[in-house]
Amino acid sequence: MLEKLHQHIVSELNQSSRTDTIFVITAVVFNLVVLAVTSGIASTAVDPTEPFDAANDILIAVFIVVSIIVNAISITALYFGRNTRNTLLSGLVAMYNDNNVAKYYSPTLLKNYGKRYMLFIGIIVCLALLGIAVPLIIRFI
């Protein structure tokens, strides 16, 4: 029974990792696409040969709002993923303690996973800010 529980926890950890990876990749790709699209729109909006079109500014605003929403969802998902991973790993550590094999699993791994999540979130935030700031700079400065 203990082995089945161990397999189940490891399976849940793998599923959590895959889900976190999907959220990170989605956020990174989305931010890069938003950066490219809104930069293009902003460049068109400041082109002196083109007549003023309020639709460009509205599109930039819509992309900014959606970017904030998508990134907030991704970051929230990573926080939940981190909490899920910590809960599962704590269960594994308790199981290892009960079976006198905890010495083979370093507690520093738990801290390292937390740091890794913060780095992922940092990347997402930086790209989100870049995707918002660059088009605004192109458009208004």
Protein backbone atom coordinates (compact mmCIF):
# COMPACT_ATOMS: atom_id res chain seq x y z
CA MET A 1 0.00 0.00 0.00
CA LEU A 2 2.85 2.34 0.85
CA GLU A 3 4.42 1.83 -2.58
CA LYS A 4 1.12 2.65 -4.32
CA LEU A 5 0.80 5.83 -2.28
CA HIS A 6 4.37 6.77 -3.19
CA GLN A 7 3.63 6.17 -6.89
CA HIS A 8 0.47 8.25 -6.65
CA ILE A 9 2.30 11.20 -5.05
CA VAL A 10 5.07 11.03 -7.65
CA SER A 11 2.45 10.87 -10.40
CA GLU A 12 0.74 13.95 -8.96
CA LEU A 13 4.11 15.76 -8.84
CA ASN A 14 4.71 14.94 -12.50
CA GLN A 15 1.25 16.18 -13.46
CA SER A 16 1.80 19.37 -11.48
CA SER A 17 5.13 19.95 -13.22
CA ARG A 18 3.55 19.50 -16.65
CA THR A 19 0.77 21.91 -15.78
CA ASP A 20 3.23 24.51 -14.49
CA THR A 21 5.29 24.13 -17.66
CA ILE A 22 2.22 24.76 -19.80
CA PHE A 23 1.41 27.94 -17.90
CA VAL A 24 4.99 29.23 -18.14
CA ILE A 25 5.28 28.49 -21.86
CA THR A 26 1.85 29.97 -22.56
CA ALA A 27 2.68 33.17 -20.69
CA VAL A 28 6.09 33.58 -22.35
CA VAL A 29 4.79 32.96 -25.87
CA PHE A 30 1.74 35.14 -25.26
CA ASN A 31 3.88 38.01 -23.97
CA LEU A 32 6.20 37.82 -26.97
CA VAL A 33 3.26 37.79 -29.39
CA VAL A 34 1.65 40.73 -27.59
CA LEU A 35 4.96 42.60 -27.73
CA ALA A 36 5.24 42.05 -31.49
CA VAL A 37 1.61 42.86 -32.29
CA THR A 38 1.28 45.93 -30.10
CA SER A 39 4.65 47.26 -31.22
CA GLY A 40 3.45 46.98 -34.81
CA ILE A 41 0.20 48.73 -33.97
CA ALA A 42 2.07 51.47 -32.10
CA SER A 43 4.46 51.96 -35.03
CA THR A 44 1.52 52.36 -37.38
CA ALA A 45 -0.12 54.83 -34.98
CA VAL A 46 2.91 57.14 -35.01
CA ASP A 47 3.57 56.88 -38.78
CA PRO A 48 3.26 60.46 -40.11
CA THR A 49 2.03 59.18 -43.49
CA GLU A 50 -0.95 57.48 -41.87
CA PRO A 51 -4.02 59.43 -40.71
CA PHE A 52 -4.85 59.34 -36.99
CA ASP A 53 -6.96 56.32 -36.12
CA ALA A 54 -8.29 55.93 -32.57
CA ALA A 55 -8.69 52.22 -33.23
CA ASN A 56 -4.92 51.80 -32.87
CA ASP A 57 -4.97 53.21 -29.34
CA ILE A 58 -8.03 51.12 -28.46
CA LEU A 59 -6.31 47.97 -29.75
CA ILE A 60 -3.21 48.71 -27.70
CA ALA A 61 -5.38 49.24 -24.61
CA VAL A 62 -7.25 45.97 -25.23
CA PHE A 63 -4.00 44.04 -25.62
CA ILE A 64 -2.66 45.58 -22.41
CA VAL A 65 -5.77 44.60 -20.45
CA VAL A 66 -5.77 41.06 -21.83
CA SER A 67 -2.04 40.80 -21.15
CA ILE A 68 -2.58 41.75 -17.52
CA ILE A 69 -5.36 39.17 -17.20
CA VAL A 70 -3.44 36.32 -18.87
CA ASN A 71 -0.32 37.03 -16.83
CA ALA A 72 -2.30 37.27 -13.59
CA ILE A 73 -3.87 33.89 -14.33
CA SER A 74 -0.47 32.35 -15.12
CA ILE A 75 1.11 33.73 -11.96
CA THR A 76 -1.84 32.58 -9.85
CA ALA A 77 -1.58 29.11 -11.39
CA LEU A 78 2.13 29.01 -10.54
CA TYR A 79 1.39 29.96 -6.92
CA PHE A 80 -1.16 27.12 -6.73
CA GLY A 81 1.34 24.80 -8.41
CA ARG A 82 4.00 25.75 -5.89
CA ASN A 83 1.62 25.11 -2.99
CA THR A 84 0.57 21.77 -4.48
CA ARG A 85 4.20 20.73 -4.97
CA ASN A 86 5.07 21.73 -1.39
CA THR A 87 2.14 19.76 -0.01
CA LEU A 88 3.00 16.66 -2.03
CA LEU A 89 6.70 16.87 -1.21
CA SER A 90 5.94 17.37 2.47
CA GLY A 91 3.90 14.17 2.35
CA LEU A 92 6.80 12.37 0.72
CA VAL A 93 9.23 13.68 3.33
CA ALA A 94 6.90 12.53 6.12
CA MET A 95 6.65 9.11 4.47
CA TYR A 96 10.43 8.98 4.17
CA ASN A 97 10.83 9.98 7.84
CA ASP A 98 8.41 7.26 8.92
CA ASN A 99 10.43 4.70 6.97
CA ASN A 100 13.86 5.99 8.02
CA VAL A 101 14.94 6.94 4.49
CA ALA A 102 14.60 10.73 4.79
CA LYS A 103 18.35 11.18 4.82
CA TYR A 104 18.32 10.48 1.07
CA TYR A 105 16.06 13.43 0.31
CA SER A 106 17.61 16.78 1.12
CA PRO A 107 15.28 19.38 2.68
CA THR A 108 17.04 22.04 0.62
CA LEU A 109 15.16 20.72 -2.41
CA LEU A 110 11.94 22.16 -1.01
CA LYS A 111 13.54 25.61 -0.80
CA ASN A 112 15.03 25.28 -4.27
CA TYR A 113 11.64 24.48 -5.77
CA GLY A 114 10.21 27.62 -4.16
CA LYS A 115 13.04 29.69 -5.61
CA ARG A 116 12.49 28.18 -9.03
CA TYR A 117 8.83 29.19 -8.96
CA MET A 118 9.81 32.74 -8.03
CA LEU A 119 12.22 32.83 -10.99
CA PHE A 120 9.48 31.63 -13.35
CA ILE A 121 7.16 34.31 -12.02
CA GLY A 122 9.93 36.90 -12.40
CA ILE A 123 10.38 35.97 -16.07
CA ILE A 124 6.66 36.25 -16.70
CA VAL A 125 6.44 39.63 -14.97
CA CYS A 126 9.46 41.00 -16.87
CA LEU A 127 8.07 39.90 -20.23
CA ALA A 128 4.63 41.25 -19.35
CA LEU A 129 6.11 44.63 -18.44
CA LEU A 130 8.17 44.61 -21.63
CA GLY A 131 5.07 43.77 -23.69
CA ILE A 132 3.23 46.69 -22.14
CA ALA A 133 6.00 49.31 -21.89
CA VAL A 134 7.60 49.02 -25.34
CA PRO A 135 4.43 49.70 -27.36
CA LEU A 136 3.53 52.60 -25.05
CA ILE A 137 7.01 54.06 -25.49
CA ILE A 138 6.77 53.68 -29.27
CA ARG A 139 3.31 55.23 -29.31
CA PHE A 140 3.75 58.15 -26.94
CA ILE A 141 7.45 59.04 -26.81
